[in-house]
Amino acid sequence: MQNKKIATEKILEIVNESVIIPKTRYKTKPSKAKVQKRLDTKRNFQTKKKTDVLNIN
């Protein structure tokens, strides 16, 4: 009798959890400042690599 009660409680918990609809996730864009900062760092790495290659030769 006790096992049946526990089993029905577990089933009810599972059903109640499945009824809840999760929130939809909205895509977000990075800010203009973040994009600019990323591009600046990429440019810095490019120039650093170019100068390193020139110094090796």
PDB file of N, CA and C in Angstrom:
ATOM      1  N   MET A   1       0.819  -1.187   0.000  1.00  0.00           N
ATOM      2  CA  MET A   1       0.000   0.000   0.000  1.00  0.00           C
ATOM      3  C   MET A   1       0.870   1.260   0.000  1.00  0.00           C
ATOM      4  N   GLN A   2       1.945   1.191   0.781  1.00  0.00           N
ATOM      5  CA  GLN A   2       2.817   2.349   0.873  1.00  0.00           C
ATOM      6  C   GLN A   2       3.583   2.557  -0.435  1.00  0.00           C
ATOM      7  N   ASN A   3       4.013   1.449  -1.082  1.00  0.00           N
ATOM      8  CA  ASN A   3       4.716   1.556  -2.355  1.00  0.00           C
ATOM      9  C   ASN A   3       3.815   2.166  -3.425  1.00  0.00           C
ATOM     10  N   LYS A   4       2.544   1.775  -3.404  1.00  0.00           N
ATOM     11  CA  LYS A   4       1.600   2.295  -4.397  1.00  0.00           C
ATOM     12  C   LYS A   4       1.434   3.803  -4.216  1.00  0.00           C
ATOM     13  N   LYS A   5       1.379   4.236  -2.987  1.00  0.00           N
ATOM     14  CA  LYS A   5       1.225   5.652  -2.691  1.00  0.00           C
ATOM     15  C   LYS A   5       2.457   6.438  -3.173  1.00  0.00           C
ATOM     16  N   ILE A   6       3.641   5.910  -2.901  1.00  0.00           N
ATOM     17  CA  ILE A   6       4.877   6.559  -3.334  1.00  0.00           C
ATOM     18  C   ILE A   6       4.950   6.608  -4.856  1.00  0.00           C
ATOM     19  N   ALA A   7       4.553   5.513  -5.505  1.00  0.00           N
ATOM     20  CA  ALA A   7       4.597   5.454  -6.968  1.00  0.00           C
ATOM     21  C   ALA A   7       3.644   6.474  -7.584  1.00  0.00           C
ATOM     22  N   THR A   8       2.449   6.594  -7.039  1.00  0.00           N
ATOM     23  CA  THR A   8       1.497   7.564  -7.589  1.00  0.00           C
ATOM     24  C   THR A   8       1.979   8.997  -7.368  1.00  0.00           C
ATOM     25  N   GLU A   9       2.632   9.250  -6.231  1.00  0.00           N
ATOM     26  CA  GLU A   9       3.184  10.580  -5.986  1.00  0.00           C
ATOM     27  C   GLU A   9       4.272  10.915  -6.996  1.00  0.00           C
ATOM     28  N   LYS A  10       5.121   9.931  -7.297  1.00  0.00           N
ATOM     29  CA  LYS A  10       6.193  10.148  -8.271  1.00  0.00           C
ATOM     30  C   LYS A  10       5.622  10.411  -9.658  1.00  0.00           C
ATOM     31  N   ILE A  11       4.607   9.659 -10.022  1.00  0.00           N
ATOM     32  CA  ILE A  11       3.975   9.852 -11.331  1.00  0.00           C
ATOM     33  C   ILE A  11       3.338  11.232 -11.413  1.00  0.00           C
ATOM     34  N   LEU A  12       2.668  11.646 -10.346  1.00  0.00           N
ATOM     35  CA  LEU A  12       2.073  12.976 -10.320  1.00  0.00           C
ATOM     36  C   LEU A  12       3.129  14.071 -10.438  1.00  0.00           C
ATOM     37  N   GLU A  13       4.280  13.887  -9.788  1.00  0.00           N
ATOM     38  CA  GLU A  13       5.364  14.854  -9.903  1.00  0.00           C
ATOM     39  C   GLU A  13       5.852  14.960 -11.339  1.00  0.00           C
ATOM     40  N   ILE A  14       6.030  13.815 -11.991  1.00  0.00           N
ATOM     41  CA  ILE A  14       6.506  13.798 -13.372  1.00  0.00           C
ATOM     42  C   ILE A  14       5.503  14.488 -14.290  1.00  0.00           C
ATOM     43  N   VAL A  15       4.226  14.205 -14.090  1.00  0.00           N
ATOM     44  CA  VAL A  15       3.187  14.820 -14.917  1.00  0.00           C
ATOM     45  C   VAL A  15       3.147  16.326 -14.691  1.00  0.00           C
ATOM     46  N   ASN A  16       3.236  16.759 -13.447  1.00  0.00           N
ATOM     47  CA  ASN A  16       3.204  18.188 -13.143  1.00  0.00           C
ATOM     48  C   ASN A  16       4.406  18.922 -13.739  1.00  0.00           C
ATOM     49  N   GLU A  17       5.569  18.273 -13.737  1.00  0.00           N
ATOM     50  CA  GLU A  17       6.751  18.890 -14.323  1.00  0.00           C
ATOM     51  C   GLU A  17       6.623  18.992 -15.840  1.00  0.00           C
ATOM     52  N   SER A  18       5.986  18.015 -16.458  1.00  0.00           N
ATOM     53  CA  SER A  18       5.881  18.031 -17.916  1.00  0.00           C
ATOM     54  C   SER A  18       4.836  19.034 -18.401  1.00  0.00           C
ATOM     55  N   VAL A  19       3.927  19.429 -17.543  1.00  0.00           N
ATOM     56  CA  VAL A  19       2.892  20.391 -17.924  1.00  0.00           C
ATOM     57  C   VAL A  19       3.482  21.794 -18.061  1.00  0.00           C
ATOM     58  N   ILE A  20       4.517  22.095 -17.287  1.00  0.00           N
ATOM     59  CA  ILE A  20       5.125  23.423 -17.298  1.00  0.00           C
ATOM     60  C   ILE A  20       5.840  23.641 -18.628  1.00  0.00           C
ATOM     61  N   ILE A  21       5.519  24.738 -19.306  1.00  0.00           N
ATOM     62  CA  ILE A  21       6.145  25.068 -20.585  1.00  0.00           C
ATOM     63  C   ILE A  21       7.349  25.956 -20.306  1.00  0.00           C
ATOM     64  N   PRO A  22       8.530  25.560 -20.791  1.00  0.00           N
ATOM     65  CA  PRO A  22       9.706  26.392 -20.531  1.00  0.00           C
ATOM     66  C   PRO A  22       9.649  27.698 -21.320  1.00  0.00           C
ATOM     67  N   LYS A  23      10.311  28.723 -20.790  1.00  0.00           N
ATOM     68  CA  LYS A  23      10.337  30.011 -21.459  1.00  0.00           C
ATOM     69  C   LYS A  23      11.121  29.894 -22.766  1.00  0.00           C
ATOM     70  N   THR A  24      10.666  30.631 -23.779  1.00  0.00           N
ATOM     71  CA  THR A  24      11.381  30.625 -25.041  1.00  0.00           C
ATOM     72  C   THR A  24      12.614  31.503 -24.921  1.00  0.00           C
ATOM     73  N   ARG A  25      13.678  31.063 -25.553  1.00  0.00           N
ATOM     74  CA  ARG A  25      14.937  31.803 -25.481  1.00  0.00           C
ATOM     75  C   ARG A  25      15.026  32.702 -26.697  1.00  0.00           C
ATOM     76  N   TYR A  26      15.271  33.972 -26.450  1.00  0.00           N
ATOM     77  CA  TYR A  26      15.381  34.938 -27.525  1.00  0.00           C
ATOM     78  C   TYR A  26      16.847  35.168 -27.858  1.00  0.00           C
ATOM     79  N   LYS A  27      17.149  35.232 -29.150  1.00  0.00           N
ATOM     80  CA  LYS A  27      18.514  35.488 -29.571  1.00  0.00           C
ATOM     81  C   LYS A  27      18.878  36.930 -29.240  1.00  0.00           C
ATOM     82  N   THR A  28      20.089  37.116 -28.761  1.00  0.00           N
ATOM     83  CA  THR A  28      20.550  38.461 -28.453  1.00  0.00           C
ATOM     84  C   THR A  28      21.783  38.766 -29.289  1.00  0.00           C
ATOM     85  N   LYS A  29      21.920  40.012 -29.694  1.00  0.00           N
ATOM     86  CA  LYS A  29      23.078  40.437 -30.468  1.00  0.00           C
ATOM     87  C   LYS A  29      24.105  41.033 -29.518  1.00  0.00           C
ATOM     88  N   PRO A  30      25.386  40.843 -29.839  1.00  0.00           N
ATOM     89  CA  PRO A  30      26.385  41.546 -29.040  1.00  0.00           C
ATOM     90  C   PRO A  30      26.327  43.039 -29.349  1.00  0.00           C
ATOM     91  N   SER A  31      26.674  43.831 -28.373  1.00  0.00           N
ATOM     92  CA  SER A  31      26.615  45.277 -28.561  1.00  0.00           C
ATOM     93  C   SER A  31      27.663  45.719 -29.584  1.00  0.00           C
ATOM     94  N   LYS A  32      27.470  46.908 -30.140  1.00  0.00           N
ATOM     95  CA  LYS A  32      28.407  47.427 -31.139  1.00  0.00           C
ATOM     96  C   LYS A  32      29.803  47.573 -30.544  1.00  0.00           C
ATOM     97  N   ALA A  33      29.866  47.967 -29.287  1.00  0.00           N
ATOM     98  CA  ALA A  33      31.165  48.132 -28.633  1.00  0.00           C
ATOM     99  C   ALA A  33      31.891  46.791 -28.524  1.00  0.00           C
ATOM    100  N   LYS A  34      31.155  45.737 -28.193  1.00  0.00           N
ATOM    101  CA  LYS A  34      31.769  44.403 -28.082  1.00  0.00           C
ATOM    102  C   LYS A  34      32.295  43.939 -29.436  1.00  0.00           C
ATOM    103  N   VAL A  35      31.498  44.143 -30.486  1.00  0.00           N
ATOM    104  CA  VAL A  35      31.910  43.741 -31.833  1.00  0.00           C
ATOM    105  C   VAL A  35      33.156  44.509 -32.242  1.00  0.00           C
ATOM    106  N   GLN A  36      33.158  45.812 -31.983  1.00  0.00           N
ATOM    107  CA  GLN A  36      34.305  46.649 -32.345  1.00  0.00           C
ATOM    108  C   GLN A  36      35.548  46.216 -31.574  1.00  0.00           C
ATOM    109  N   LYS A  37      35.381  45.893 -30.297  1.00  0.00           N
ATOM    110  CA  LYS A  37      36.517  45.465 -29.478  1.00  0.00           C
ATOM    111  C   LYS A  37      37.088  44.151 -30.010  1.00  0.00           C
ATOM    112  N   ARG A  38      36.213  43.233 -30.390  1.00  0.00           N
ATOM    113  CA  ARG A  38      36.664  41.945 -30.930  1.00  0.00           C
ATOM    114  C   ARG A  38      37.432  42.154 -32.229  1.00  0.00           C
ATOM    115  N   LEU A  39      36.920  43.017 -33.103  1.00  0.00           N
ATOM    116  CA  LEU A  39      37.594  43.283 -34.365  1.00  0.00           C
ATOM    117  C   LEU A  39      38.931  43.982 -34.140  1.00  0.00           C
ATOM    118  N   ASP A  40      38.989  44.863 -33.155  1.00  0.00           N
ATOM    119  CA  ASP A  40      40.250  45.538 -32.848  1.00  0.00           C
ATOM    120  C   ASP A  40      41.299  44.549 -32.360  1.00  0.00           C
ATOM    121  N   THR A  41      40.892  43.632 -31.492  1.00  0.00           N
ATOM    122  CA  THR A  41      41.862  42.646 -30.990  1.00  0.00           C
ATOM    123  C   THR A  41      42.326  41.731 -32.116  1.00  0.00           C
ATOM    124  N   LYS A  42      41.403  41.379 -33.028  1.00  0.00           N
ATOM    125  CA  LYS A  42      41.804  40.558 -34.175  1.00  0.00           C
ATOM    126  C   LYS A  42      42.839  41.310 -35.013  1.00  0.00           C
ATOM    127  N   ARG A  43      42.588  42.595 -35.231  1.00  0.00           N
ATOM    128  CA  ARG A  43      43.509  43.408 -36.021  1.00  0.00           C
ATOM    129  C   ARG A  43      44.870  43.497 -35.329  1.00  0.00           C
ATOM    130  N   ASN A  44      44.859  43.628 -33.999  1.00  0.00           N
ATOM    131  CA  ASN A  44      46.118  43.695 -33.250  1.00  0.00           C
ATOM    132  C   ASN A  44      46.906  42.404 -33.385  1.00  0.00           C
ATOM    133  N   PHE A  45      46.228  41.253 -33.315  1.00  0.00           N
ATOM    134  CA  PHE A  45      46.912  39.976 -33.464  1.00  0.00           C
ATOM    135  C   PHE A  45      47.482  39.831 -34.871  1.00  0.00           C
ATOM    136  N   GLN A  46      46.749  40.319 -35.865  1.00  0.00           N
ATOM    137  CA  GLN A  46      47.234  40.240 -37.245  1.00  0.00           C
ATOM    138  C   GLN A  46      48.528  41.030 -37.396  1.00  0.00           C
ATOM    139  N   THR A  47      48.517  42.245 -36.906  1.00  0.00           N
ATOM    140  CA  THR A  47      49.712  43.074 -37.051  1.00  0.00           C
ATOM    141  C   THR A  47      50.873  42.491 -36.248  1.00  0.00           C
ATOM    142  N   LYS A  48      50.579  41.924 -35.104  1.00  0.00           N
ATOM    143  CA  LYS A  48      51.622  41.317 -34.284  1.00  0.00           C
ATOM    144  C   LYS A  48      52.246  40.142 -35.013  1.00  0.00           C
ATOM    145  N   LYS A  49      51.408  39.290 -35.631  1.00  0.00           N
ATOM    146  CA  LYS A  49      51.928  38.145 -36.366  1.00  0.00           C
ATOM    147  C   LYS A  49      52.753  38.590 -37.567  1.00  0.00           C
ATOM    148  N   LYS A  50      52.265  39.620 -38.266  1.00  0.00           N
ATOM    149  CA  LYS A  50      52.995  40.104 -39.439  1.00  0.00           C
ATOM    150  C   LYS A  50      54.364  40.643 -39.048  1.00  0.00           C
ATOM    151  N   THR A  51      54.422  41.381 -37.955  1.00  0.00           N
ATOM    152  CA  THR A  51      55.707  41.920 -37.530  1.00  0.00           C
ATOM    153  C   THR A  51      56.618  40.812 -37.023  1.00  0.00           C
ATOM    154  N   ASP A  52      56.069  39.781 -36.386  1.00  0.00           N
ATOM    155  CA  ASP A  52      56.885  38.649 -35.924  1.00  0.00           C
ATOM    156  C   ASP A  52      57.487  37.916 -37.108  1.00  0.00           C
ATOM    157  N   VAL A  53      56.727  37.705 -38.166  1.00  0.00           N
ATOM    158  CA  VAL A  53      57.213  36.996 -39.339  1.00  0.00           C
ATOM    159  C   VAL A  53      58.316  37.819 -40.012  1.00  0.00           C
ATOM    160  N   LEU A  54      58.133  39.113 -40.060  1.00  0.00           N
ATOM    161  CA  LEU A  54      59.145  39.983 -40.674  1.00  0.00           C
ATOM    162  C   LEU A  54      60.420  39.989 -39.854  1.00  0.00           C
ATOM    163  N   ASN A  55      60.310  39.911 -38.534  1.00  0.00           N
ATOM    164  CA  ASN A  55      61.491  39.923 -37.674  1.00  0.00           C
ATOM    165  C   ASN A  55      62.261  38.608 -37.759  1.00  0.00           C
ATOM    166  N   ILE A  56      61.564  37.494 -37.998  1.00  0.00           N
ATOM    167  CA  ILE A  56      62.240  36.190 -38.069  1.00  0.00           C
ATOM    168  C   ILE A  56      63.083  36.112 -39.338  1.00  0.00           C
ATOM    169  N   ASN A  57      62.538  36.568 -40.441  1.00  0.00           N
ATOM    170  CA  ASN A  57      63.279  36.516 -41.711  1.00  0.00           C
ATOM    171  C   ASN A  57      64.319  37.568 -41.693  1.00  0.00           C
TER     172      ASN A  57
END
